[in-house]
Protein backbone atom coordinates (compact mmCIF):
# COMPACT_ATOMS: atom_id res chain seq x y z
CA MET A 1 -0.30 -38.84 29.61
CA PRO A 2 -0.49 -39.88 34.04
CA ALA A 3 0.03 -36.93 36.12
CA ASP A 4 3.48 -38.73 36.72
CA GLU A 5 4.96 -38.84 33.39
CA ARG A 6 3.83 -35.43 33.09
CA GLY A 7 4.60 -33.62 35.87
CA ALA A 8 8.19 -31.12 35.99
CA GLY A 9 7.84 -30.26 32.48
CA LEU A 10 6.72 -27.35 30.08
CA ARG A 11 2.75 -26.84 29.64
CA PHE A 12 1.87 -24.85 26.15
CA HIS A 13 -1.01 -23.53 24.13
CA GLY A 14 -1.14 -21.70 21.35
CA VAL A 15 -4.27 -19.47 19.92
CA SER A 16 -4.36 -17.28 16.48
CA ASP A 17 -6.91 -15.12 15.22
CA THR A 18 -7.35 -13.12 12.77
CA GLY A 19 -9.60 -10.81 14.53
CA LEU A 20 -12.85 -8.55 13.84
CA MET A 21 -11.51 -6.24 10.70
CA ARG A 22 -8.59 -7.77 8.49
CA LYS A 23 -9.80 -10.69 5.84
CA SER A 24 -6.76 -12.32 6.25
CA ASN A 25 -4.25 -13.88 9.07
CA GLU A 26 -1.06 -12.99 8.59
CA ASP A 27 0.00 -14.07 12.12
CA ALA A 28 2.03 -17.48 13.13
CA PHE A 29 3.25 -19.60 16.22
CA GLY A 30 5.10 -22.57 16.64
CA VAL A 31 6.19 -24.92 19.11
CA PHE A 32 9.32 -26.88 18.46
CA GLY A 33 10.85 -29.67 21.12
CA ALA A 34 14.68 -30.68 20.70
CA GLY A 35 15.62 -31.59 17.26
CA GLY A 36 13.33 -28.88 15.86
CA VAL A 37 9.93 -30.76 16.13
CA HIS A 38 6.97 -29.42 15.54
CA LEU A 39 5.17 -29.96 19.04
CA GLY A 40 1.60 -28.66 17.50
CA THR A 41 -0.96 -26.03 19.09
CA GLU A 42 -1.15 -27.49 22.75
CA GLY A 43 0.79 -29.39 24.85
CA HIS A 44 3.57 -30.72 27.71
CA SER A 45 7.32 -30.86 26.82
CA GLY A 46 8.41 -33.81 28.44
CA ALA A 47 10.06 -33.41 32.67
CA GLY A 48 12.72 -31.25 31.95
CA ALA A 49 12.99 -31.51 28.62
CA ASP A 50 13.44 -28.50 25.82
CA LEU A 51 11.05 -26.28 24.19
CA VAL A 52 10.97 -23.42 21.75
CA ALA A 53 8.23 -20.96 21.33
CA VAL A 54 7.71 -19.04 18.86
CA VAL A 55 5.47 -15.63 17.10
CA SER A 56 5.64 -14.22 14.41
CA ASP A 57 3.55 -11.03 12.57
CA GLY A 58 3.75 -10.31 9.54
CA VAL A 59 4.63 -6.45 8.82
CA GLY A 60 1.35 -4.55 7.55
CA GLY A 61 2.02 -2.37 4.72
CA HIS A 62 4.13 -4.91 2.83
CA ASP A 63 3.07 -8.59 0.79
CA ALA A 64 2.38 -11.88 1.53
CA GLY A 65 2.91 -11.28 4.75
CA GLU A 66 1.84 -15.02 5.62
CA VAL A 67 4.45 -16.54 4.27
CA ALA A 68 7.36 -13.89 5.92
CA SER A 69 5.87 -14.88 9.15
CA ALA A 70 5.46 -18.80 8.62
CA ALA A 71 8.84 -19.06 7.06
CA VAL A 72 10.05 -17.27 10.77
CA VAL A 73 8.51 -20.07 12.36
CA ALA A 74 9.89 -22.40 10.94
CA SER A 75 13.54 -21.36 10.87
CA LEU A 76 14.03 -20.41 14.25
CA GLY A 77 12.00 -23.48 15.55
CA ALA A 78 13.90 -25.72 13.58
CA GLY A 79 17.13 -23.63 13.63
CA LEU A 80 16.63 -23.30 17.70
CA GLY A 81 15.44 -26.64 18.19
CA GLN A 82 18.88 -27.84 16.62
CA ARG A 83 20.29 -26.43 19.13
CA ALA A 84 18.95 -28.09 21.41
CA ALA A 85 19.50 -31.26 20.67
CA ALA A 86 23.24 -30.62 19.77
CA GLY A 87 22.93 -28.90 23.87
CA ALA A 88 24.81 -25.92 22.05
CA PRO A 89 25.29 -23.19 24.82
CA THR A 90 22.06 -21.09 25.19
CA GLY A 91 22.19 -16.85 25.61
CA GLU A 92 23.52 -17.08 28.65
CA THR A 93 26.93 -17.62 27.08
CA PRO A 94 28.18 -14.57 24.85
CA ALA A 95 29.02 -17.45 23.14
CA GLY A 96 25.73 -19.16 22.89
CA ARG A 97 24.13 -15.01 22.14
CA ALA A 98 26.29 -14.65 19.18
CA ASP A 99 25.33 -18.09 17.66
CA VAL A 100 21.51 -17.15 18.04
CA GLU A 101 22.36 -13.51 16.79
CA THR A 102 23.86 -15.30 13.76
CA LEU A 103 20.55 -17.70 13.41
CA MET A 104 18.72 -14.32 13.34
CA ALA A 105 20.67 -12.62 10.88
CA GLY A 106 20.36 -16.05 8.68
CA LEU A 107 16.68 -15.81 8.89
CA ASN A 108 17.14 -12.58 7.60
CA ALA A 109 19.05 -13.28 5.01
CA HIS A 110 16.52 -15.94 3.95
CA VAL A 111 12.88 -14.10 4.33
CA ARG A 112 14.54 -11.20 1.90
CA GLY A 113 16.06 -13.89 -0.53
CA LEU A 114 11.88 -15.06 -0.58
CA SER A 115 11.30 -12.05 -1.48
CA GLN A 116 13.21 -11.46 -4.26
CA GLY A 117 12.64 -15.09 -5.69
CA GLN A 118 8.76 -14.06 -6.08
CA ASP A 119 8.97 -10.26 -6.33
CA LYS A 120 6.64 -9.65 -3.16
CA ARG A 121 8.34 -7.36 -0.45
CA MET A 122 8.45 -9.43 2.90
CA ALA A 123 8.31 -8.55 6.05
CA ALA A 124 7.59 -10.23 9.72
CA THR A 125 8.47 -9.88 13.09
CA ALA A 126 10.05 -12.41 15.04
CA THR A 127 10.19 -13.06 19.17
CA ALA A 128 11.33 -16.84 20.02
CA ALA A 129 11.40 -18.39 23.91
CA TRP A 130 14.17 -21.26 23.72
CA PHE A 131 13.93 -22.60 27.10
CA SER A 132 16.69 -25.13 28.13
CA ARG A 133 18.74 -25.86 31.46
CA GLY A 134 17.05 -23.46 33.46
CA ARG A 135 16.87 -20.57 31.54
CA VAL A 136 14.55 -18.96 28.49
CA THR A 137 17.13 -17.57 25.83
CA VAL A 138 14.95 -14.76 24.23
CA ALA A 139 15.24 -13.78 20.45
CA HIS A 140 13.86 -10.40 19.31
CA ALA A 141 12.88 -8.01 16.31
CA GLY A 142 9.74 -5.99 16.09
CA ASP A 143 6.84 -5.42 17.92
CA SER A 144 5.76 -9.03 19.10
CA ARG A 145 6.15 -9.43 23.21
CA LEU A 146 7.24 -11.57 25.64
CA TYR A 147 5.67 -11.18 28.78
CA ARG A 148 6.63 -13.35 32.32
CA TRP A 149 3.78 -13.65 34.97
CA ARG A 150 5.69 -14.10 38.49
CA GLY A 151 4.43 -13.93 42.12
CA GLY A 152 1.24 -11.60 41.13
CA ARG A 153 2.99 -9.82 38.65
CA LEU A 154 3.46 -8.97 35.05
CA GLU A 155 6.70 -8.47 33.79
CA ALA A 156 7.38 -7.59 29.99
CA LEU A 157 10.95 -9.61 28.80
CA THR A 158 10.86 -7.09 25.17
CA VAL A 159 11.19 -4.25 23.94
CA ASP A 160 9.07 -2.80 20.92
CA ASP A 161 11.21 -1.89 18.15
CA THR A 162 9.52 1.16 17.86
CA GLU A 163 10.61 5.08 18.50
CA ALA A 164 7.36 4.42 21.10
CA GLY A 165 9.08 1.75 22.58
CA ARG A 166 11.96 2.37 23.16
CA ALA A 167 11.49 5.66 24.43
CA LEU A 168 8.89 3.90 26.85
CA ALA A 169 11.67 1.51 27.87
CA SER A 170 13.46 4.70 28.76
CA GLY A 171 11.63 6.47 30.93
CA VAL A 172 10.64 8.67 28.49
CA ILE A 173 7.55 8.57 28.15
CA ASN A 174 4.99 6.25 30.39
CA GLU A 175 2.86 3.52 28.39
CA LYS A 176 0.04 5.90 28.36
CA GLU A 177 1.71 8.11 26.05
CA ALA A 178 3.33 5.11 24.33
CA ARG A 179 -0.08 4.16 22.81
CA GLN A 180 -0.83 7.48 22.08
CA HIS A 181 2.20 7.79 20.29
CA LYS A 182 1.78 8.80 16.57
CA GLU A 183 4.82 6.17 15.36
CA ARG A 184 3.74 3.45 17.67
CA HIS A 185 3.42 1.02 14.83
CA VAL A 186 6.21 2.31 12.47
CA ILE A 187 8.82 -0.88 13.22
CA LEU A 188 12.18 0.02 13.14
CA ARG A 189 13.55 -3.66 13.34
CA ALA A 190 11.54 -6.77 11.06
CA VAL A 191 13.22 -10.28 9.63
CA GLY A 192 13.63 -9.58 5.68
CA MET A 193 15.01 -6.07 5.91
CA ASP A 194 18.14 -5.08 4.19
CA PRO A 195 21.03 -7.03 5.93
CA LYS A 196 22.69 -3.24 6.58
CA LYS A 197 19.59 -2.29 9.01
CA PHE A 198 19.15 -5.49 10.61
CA ALA A 199 19.69 -6.24 14.11
CA SER A 200 18.30 -8.46 16.86
CA THR A 201 17.71 -8.52 20.13
CA VAL A 202 18.98 -11.59 22.19
CA ALA A 203 18.86 -11.97 26.25
CA HIS A 204 18.23 -14.70 28.80
CA HIS A 205 16.39 -14.92 31.95
CA PRO A 206 16.40 -17.36 35.00
CA VAL A 207 12.98 -19.03 35.21
CA GLU A 208 11.63 -20.48 37.54
CA ASP A 209 8.88 -23.38 38.52
CA GLY A 210 5.36 -21.66 38.32
CA ASP A 211 6.53 -19.26 36.03
CA VAL A 212 3.28 -18.53 32.88
CA TYR A 213 5.16 -17.01 29.86
CA LEU A 214 3.45 -15.27 26.99
CA LEU A 215 4.07 -14.60 23.63
CA CYS A 216 1.70 -12.40 21.45
CA SER A 217 1.37 -10.54 18.31
CA ASP A 218 0.48 -6.99 18.50
CA GLY A 219 -3.23 -7.22 18.09
CA LEU A 220 -3.68 -8.00 21.88
CA THR A 221 -1.58 -5.40 23.21
CA ASP A 222 -3.03 -2.19 20.83
CA GLY A 223 -6.50 -2.92 22.47
CA LEU A 224 -5.05 -4.40 26.31
CA SER A 225 -2.72 -2.52 28.65
CA ASP A 226 -0.21 -3.98 30.34
CA THR A 227 -2.08 -3.37 33.33
CA GLN A 228 -5.16 -4.83 32.14
CA LEU A 229 -3.48 -7.59 30.93
CA GLU A 230 -1.72 -8.27 34.21
CA ARG A 231 -5.74 -8.51 35.97
CA GLY A 232 -6.21 -10.55 33.89
CA PHE A 233 -3.30 -13.22 35.13
CA GLU A 234 -4.94 -12.71 38.21
CA LYS A 235 -8.20 -14.93 37.06
CA LEU A 236 -5.65 -17.06 35.46
CA VAL A 237 -6.72 -21.09 37.33
CA ALA A 238 -3.93 -23.34 37.17
CA GLY A 239 -3.47 -25.51 34.49
CA ASP A 240 -6.38 -24.19 32.19
CA LEU A 241 -4.10 -22.06 29.70
CA ALA A 242 -6.64 -23.39 26.83
CA ALA A 243 -9.85 -21.45 28.31
CA PHE A 244 -7.17 -18.26 29.58
CA ALA A 245 -5.99 -18.08 26.16
CA GLU A 246 -9.47 -17.57 24.54
CA LYS A 247 -10.35 -15.07 26.84
CA LEU A 248 -7.38 -13.19 26.18
CA VAL A 249 -8.11 -13.20 22.62
CA ASP A 250 -11.69 -12.21 23.20
CA ALA A 251 -11.03 -9.34 25.29
CA GLY A 252 -8.39 -8.50 22.52
CA ASN A 253 -10.93 -8.43 19.69
CA GLN A 254 -13.72 -6.28 22.26
CA SER A 255 -11.16 -3.90 23.13
CA SER A 256 -10.15 -3.23 19.69
CA GLY A 257 -10.34 -6.43 16.98
CA LYS A 258 -8.37 -3.94 14.51
CA ASP A 259 -5.69 -6.39 14.03
CA ASN A 260 -4.92 -9.96 13.96
CA ILE A 261 -4.15 -12.10 17.39
CA THR A 262 -2.39 -14.53 18.85
CA VAL A 263 -1.77 -15.74 22.29
CA LEU A 264 1.12 -18.80 22.96
CA LEU A 265 1.16 -19.34 26.72
CA VAL A 266 3.80 -21.73 27.96
CA ALA A 267 3.58 -22.51 31.83
CA VAL A 268 6.74 -23.80 33.84
CA GLU A 269 5.49 -27.00 36.22
CA PRO A 270 7.07 -27.63 39.41
CA GLY A 271 10.55 -29.66 39.42
CA TRP A 272 10.91 -28.26 35.54
CA VAL A 273 13.99 -26.37 36.66
CA ALA A 274 15.93 -28.73 38.90
CA ALA A 275 14.88 -31.66 35.95
CA SER A 276 15.95 -29.29 32.98
CA THR A 277 19.24 -28.98 34.81
CA ARG A 278 19.76 -32.42 36.03
CA ARG A 279 19.64 -33.41 31.90
CA PRO A 280 22.72 -34.41 30.26
CA SER A 281 23.88 -32.28 27.41
CA ALA A 282 25.30 -32.84 24.35
CA ALA A 283 28.60 -30.74 24.24
CA PRO A 284 29.22 -28.84 20.88
CA SER A 285 30.77 -32.01 19.10
CA ALA A 286 34.81 -31.18 18.86
CA ARG A 287 37.12 -32.36 15.81
CA PRO A 288 39.36 -35.23 17.44
CA LYS A 289 42.90 -34.24 16.92
CA GLN A 290 44.33 -36.22 13.45
CA SER A 291 47.59 -37.94 12.61
CA SER A 292 49.05 -36.60 9.51
CA GLY A 293 47.20 -39.10 7.46
CA ASP A 294 44.02 -37.44 8.47
CA THR A 295 44.84 -33.95 8.17
CA ILE A 296 46.08 -35.17 4.74
CA MET A 297 42.59 -36.98 3.59
CA ASP A 298 41.27 -34.02 4.89
CA ALA A 299 43.22 -31.66 2.77
CA PHE A 300 42.46 -34.00 -0.48
CA SER A 301 38.49 -33.59 0.56
CA ARG A 302 38.45 -29.82 0.99
CA SER A 303 40.52 -29.58 -2.03
CA ALA A 304 37.82 -31.89 -4.09
CA TRP A 305 35.02 -28.72 -2.65
CA PRO A 306 36.37 -26.07 -5.16
CA LEU A 307 37.59 -28.76 -7.66
CA TRP A 308 33.73 -29.20 -7.91
CA GLY A 309 32.63 -25.91 -8.34
CA ALA A 310 34.80 -25.21 -10.65
CA VAL A 311 33.09 -28.28 -12.32
CA ALA A 312 29.52 -26.52 -11.43
CA LEU A 313 30.79 -22.99 -12.84
CA LEU A 314 32.10 -24.51 -16.49
CA PHE A 315 28.43 -26.43 -16.21
CA LEU A 316 26.92 -23.15 -16.21
CA PHE A 317 28.70 -21.98 -18.48
CA SER A 318 27.98 -24.93 -20.91
CA LEU A 319 24.50 -24.43 -20.57
CA LEU A 320 24.00 -20.70 -21.13
CA GLY A 321 26.48 -20.18 -23.71
CA GLY A 322 28.38 -23.10 -24.51
CA TRP A 323 26.25 -24.20 -27.59
CA GLN A 324 26.92 -20.34 -29.50
CA ASP A 325 30.83 -20.82 -29.16
CA ARG A 326 32.94 -24.03 -30.31
CA ARG A 327 35.77 -22.60 -28.64
CA ALA A 328 33.94 -22.33 -25.82
CA ARG A 329 33.33 -26.22 -25.57
CA ALA A 330 36.75 -27.23 -26.48
CA ASP A 331 37.85 -25.67 -23.81
CA LEU A 332 35.49 -27.65 -21.65
CA SER A 333 36.52 -30.32 -23.05
CA ALA A 334 39.64 -29.89 -22.18
CA THR A 335 39.03 -28.01 -19.08
CA VAL A 336 37.56 -31.53 -18.07
CA MET A 337 40.65 -33.81 -19.27
CA SER A 338 42.98 -31.87 -17.31
CA LEU A 339 40.58 -32.49 -14.24
CA GLN A 340 40.70 -36.44 -14.93
CA ALA A 341 44.36 -36.26 -15.56
CA ALA A 342 44.58 -34.97 -11.95
CA LEU A 343 42.54 -37.07 -10.32
CA ALA A 344 44.67 -40.41 -12.26
CA GLU A 345 48.00 -38.53 -10.66
CA ALA A 346 46.24 -38.19 -7.31
CA GLU A 347 44.98 -42.41 -8.11
CA ALA A 348 48.27 -42.89 -8.36
CA THR A 349 50.16 -40.96 -5.78
CA ALA A 350 47.44 -43.00 -3.69
CA GLN A 351 48.27 -46.24 -4.54
CA ALA A 352 51.56 -45.78 -4.37
CA ARG A 353 51.29 -45.51 -0.89
CA GLU A 354 51.18 -48.08 1.79
CA GLY A 355 48.27 -48.93 4.37
CA THR A 356 44.44 -47.48 4.58
CA PHE A 357 45.24 -44.42 4.18
CA GLY A 358 46.48 -45.39 0.42
CA GLN A 359 43.33 -47.47 -0.04
CA GLU A 360 40.96 -44.55 1.16
CA LEU A 361 42.56 -42.30 -1.46
CA GLN A 362 42.08 -44.31 -3.77
CA GLU A 363 38.84 -45.51 -3.53
CA LEU A 364 37.85 -41.77 -3.08
CA ALA A 365 39.57 -40.94 -6.26
CA SER A 366 38.38 -43.32 -7.94
CA GLU A 367 34.57 -42.31 -6.88
CA GLN A 368 35.89 -38.57 -8.11
CA ARG A 369 36.86 -40.07 -11.02
CA GLY A 370 33.44 -41.93 -12.08
CA LEU A 371 31.38 -38.92 -10.70
CA LEU A 372 33.55 -36.41 -13.03
CA SER A 373 32.60 -38.93 -15.76
CA SER A 374 29.20 -39.35 -15.48
CA LEU A 375 29.40 -34.96 -15.68
CA PHE A 376 31.38 -34.95 -18.90
CA ASP A 377 28.94 -37.02 -20.38
CA GLU A 378 26.01 -34.99 -18.99
CA LEU A 379 28.16 -31.93 -20.81
CA GLU A 380 27.95 -34.05 -24.28
CA ASP A 381 24.38 -34.82 -23.71
CA LEU A 382 24.04 -31.09 -22.58
CA ARG A 383 26.04 -29.85 -26.33
CA SER A 384 23.72 -31.94 -28.23
CA LEU A 385 20.58 -30.45 -26.76
CA ALA A 386 22.26 -26.97 -27.34
CA GLY A 387 22.74 -27.88 -30.60
CA GLY A 388 19.09 -28.62 -31.18
CA THR A 389 18.03 -25.46 -29.63
CA HIS A 390 20.75 -23.27 -31.99
CA ASP A 391 18.65 -24.67 -34.88
CA SER A 392 15.41 -24.21 -33.26
CA LEU A 393 16.63 -21.02 -32.47
CA GLU A 394 17.22 -20.30 -36.46
CA ASP A 395 13.71 -21.70 -37.65
CA PHE A 396 12.26 -18.98 -35.57
CA GLY A 397 14.67 -15.71 -36.81
CA ARG A 398 13.45 -17.47 -39.91
CA ARG A 399 9.64 -17.06 -38.88
CA LEU A 400 10.16 -14.08 -37.46
CA GLY A 401 11.85 -12.21 -40.31
CA ARG A 402 8.53 -13.63 -41.99
CA LEU A 403 6.33 -12.23 -39.51
CA GLU A 404 8.04 -8.83 -39.83
CA SER A 405 8.15 -8.90 -43.51
CA ASP A 406 4.13 -9.80 -43.50
CA LEU A 407 3.73 -6.79 -40.82
CA ALA A 408 5.69 -3.83 -43.25
CA ASP A 409 2.97 -4.91 -45.91
CA GLY A 410 0.50 -4.65 -43.98
CA LEU A 411 1.74 -1.56 -43.04
CA GLU A 412 2.15 0.13 -46.53
CA GLU A 413 -1.62 -1.45 -46.76
CA MET A 414 -2.83 0.82 -44.35
CA ALA A 415 -0.84 3.35 -46.17
CA GLY A 416 -2.86 3.30 -48.79
CA ALA A 417 -5.68 3.13 -46.89
CA THR A 418 -5.50 5.86 -45.30
CA ARG A 419 -4.43 8.14 -48.90
CA ALA A 420 -7.79 6.82 -50.01
CA VAL A 421 -9.34 8.18 -47.23
CA ALA A 422 -7.94 11.75 -47.57
CA ALA A 423 -8.80 11.33 -51.42
CA VAL A 424 -12.31 10.75 -50.14
CA ARG A 425 -12.46 13.60 -47.65
CA SER A 426 -11.05 16.07 -50.21
CA GLU A 427 -13.56 14.99 -53.17
CA GLN A 428 -16.09 15.52 -49.87
CA ALA A 429 -14.81 18.64 -49.53
CA GLY A 430 -15.24 19.96 -53.16
CA SER A 431 -18.95 18.59 -52.74
CA PHE A 432 -19.89 20.17 -49.78
CA GLU A 433 -18.32 23.54 -51.76
CA ALA A 434 -20.81 23.94 -54.12
CA LEU A 435 -23.48 22.65 -51.90
CA GLN A 436 -22.47 25.88 -50.02
CA THR A 437 -22.99 27.79 -53.45
CA GLN A 438 -26.51 26.21 -54.65
CA VAL A 439 -27.42 27.01 -50.49
CA GLU A 440 -25.97 30.26 -51.10
CA ALA A 441 -28.23 31.16 -53.95
CA GLU A 442 -31.21 29.33 -52.34
CA ILE A 443 -31.44 32.55 -49.66
CA GLU A 444 -30.80 35.02 -52.85
CA GLU A 445 -33.73 33.95 -54.36
CA MET A 446 -35.67 33.71 -50.96
CA ASN A 447 -34.63 37.36 -50.32
CA GLN A 448 -35.84 38.54 -53.78
CA ARG A 449 -39.15 36.66 -52.93
CA PHE A 450 -39.66 38.24 -49.16
CA ALA A 451 -38.46 41.26 -51.04
CA GLU A 452 -41.74 41.06 -53.49
CA VAL A 453 -44.15 39.81 -49.75
CA ARG A 454 -42.89 43.77 -48.49
CA ARG A 455 -43.76 45.08 -51.68
CA LEU A 456 -47.78 43.52 -51.57
CA SER A 457 -47.45 43.90 -47.57
CA GLY A 458 -46.73 47.82 -48.25
CA ALA A 459 -50.19 47.39 -50.71
CA VAL A 460 -51.98 46.53 -48.42
CA ARG A 461 -51.36 48.99 -45.43
CA ALA A 462 -51.56 52.02 -48.77
CA LEU A 463 -54.96 49.65 -49.27
CA SER A 464 -55.97 49.78 -45.29
CA HIS A 465 -55.02 53.62 -44.73
CA ALA A 466 -57.02 54.26 -47.87
CA LEU A 467 -60.27 52.95 -46.34
CA GLU A 468 -59.28 54.62 -43.62
CA ASP A 469 -59.25 58.28 -45.17
CA SER A 470 -62.63 57.34 -47.69
CA ALA A 471 -65.48 58.62 -47.16
CA PRO A 472 -68.05 57.21 -44.96
CA GLU A 473 -70.97 57.78 -47.33
CA ALA A 474 -68.49 56.10 -50.48
CA ALA A 475 -69.17 52.88 -50.95
CA PRO A 476 -67.40 50.35 -50.56
CA THR A 477 -66.71 49.09 -53.71
CA GLU A 478 -65.73 53.06 -54.62
CA VAL A 479 -62.84 52.80 -52.40
CA LEU A 480 -61.88 48.97 -53.04
CA ALA A 481 -62.13 50.37 -57.20
CA SER A 482 -59.51 53.06 -56.26
CA ALA A 483 -57.47 50.74 -54.35
CA ASP A 484 -54.65 48.51 -56.70
CA GLY A 485 -57.11 46.80 -58.65
CA SER A 486 -55.23 43.58 -58.71
CA LEU A 487 -56.21 43.72 -54.76
CA ALA A 488 -60.39 44.22 -55.96
CA GLY A 489 -61.06 40.61 -56.43
CA ASP A 490 -59.41 39.08 -53.90
CA LEU A 491 -60.90 40.49 -51.02
CA ALA A 492 -64.43 40.08 -49.66
CA VAL A 493 -66.77 43.11 -49.56
CA SER A 494 -69.09 42.13 -46.53
CA GLY A 495 -71.77 45.37 -46.42
CA GLU A 496 -73.09 47.38 -44.23
CA PRO A 497 -73.69 46.20 -40.36
CA ASP A 498 -76.91 46.09 -38.57
CA PRO A 499 -78.15 48.90 -36.40
CA ALA A 500 -80.15 47.63 -34.44
CA ASP A 501 -77.58 44.95 -33.37
CA ASP A 502 -75.28 46.71 -30.03
CA THR A 503 -72.84 43.58 -29.74
CA THR A 504 -69.04 44.23 -29.96
CA PRO A 505 -67.57 42.16 -32.32
CA GLU A 506 -65.14 39.99 -30.81
CA VAL A 507 -62.80 41.38 -32.80
CA LEU A 508 -63.11 44.79 -32.50
CA ALA A 509 -61.68 44.29 -28.74
CA THR A 510 -58.46 44.53 -29.51
CA ASP A 511 -56.12 47.96 -28.94
CA ASP A 512 -54.50 47.08 -32.31
CA ALA A 513 -54.78 50.65 -33.85
CA ASP A 514 -53.35 49.11 -37.22
CA SER A 515 -56.44 47.26 -37.64
CA PRO A 516 -58.69 48.13 -40.31
CA GLN A 517 -62.12 47.65 -38.07
CA ASN A 518 -60.89 50.27 -35.65
CA GLY A 519 -59.54 52.04 -38.53
CA ASN A 520 -63.93 52.21 -39.85
CA GLY A 521 -65.15 53.03 -36.82
CA GLY A 522 -68.24 49.66 -36.68
């Protein structure tokens, strides 16, 4: 675009970064022109034209933060853009402030409705700057911020809706203490919270040519102090918003990088203030004074809305419960017929009137009558559909009854199987008792055998003592003969030791005093 066409406007550039530690980006931003037209991430507003810049950050700890922030940006951009197109009063007037506050309250209800519709908690910050007629109107809730760079000084135009932010704004603590405050991230206001607790801040400030405005999420200010940001703006090269925005994001990541970072810059070119104030602004549309005929027509049109509301309610009742109650359907038909009669009477009254008003009233009544007739036909179709649904439900009920019966039979079979298992367990218990008795008898028999072995062991010891007590000259066979005769044939006698052999047998090296070899002395 040629320089002469780009002058006296607002230049803008925005960028959003996930950061170094987050997996997703819950920040959102947008720039809009009059009428709510989205202008993209970078560009130019045109000479003296209005511009709306919005930044939003999904509140931490809530679900679907990216949905909430996107809804805030889209809704605020469209709402303020439409007001710009209509020439609505800005925040400079009490009426303008009240209008923007109403817009913010409606946005809060909208996001809260989205949260309930998706069964998720949603909330987001909101910081919007509406540049119009030489001023900027600020709408704010949360801890996203708006700064103004003017004359070598950076000034915050918003106050964080946190305990630390409010204490800093009131002078109770300084910036260093605010950055170290334990509840600096506990947001007191956000879009999507309880309407009873929600409130927004709406303010206005004069704009000067050469101003640069910074809208940002807390991911930037967590890492960079106001002093550091101001030093960065001192190095801002005029016209190079894109490079400066990237430098701010890089600096925020180097200093912290824990959160998403969004930077949106708006630069006021020379001549915009004068051009914007000279631009004709459409005054809010006023309703012209009406004649008596127009007043009657208006009353009839307004009265049609409650009538259509009643018909809509009747339609819903028919949808939800009319097919269950024939009497309710009959009442509905009677009500619709009475409404048709009322419209016919209105049409007859219109025909009795003269002039254009009577003709318009007749056409309106005919149109309403045709629409109501169509609605009546749709209600009839709905009744037929409801009847089929009722038959399907009855069939489903019968199938459910059969399933319940089958389930009862299955439970009875399981109970029989359980009893059978109990009987088997009882039988096994009896078998176990018999086995235990048998084992006890075998143990008794083994005890008896052990006693026999002990008796034989005693006989062996007696034989050993007899060998020790016998005379040296006694022949081994004689000693054995004096012992238990039952053992004589089981013991082998080796004869006399060889006197010439002085080697101590290995078996004699034992210290066992009960050993028969020790008892013989070799």
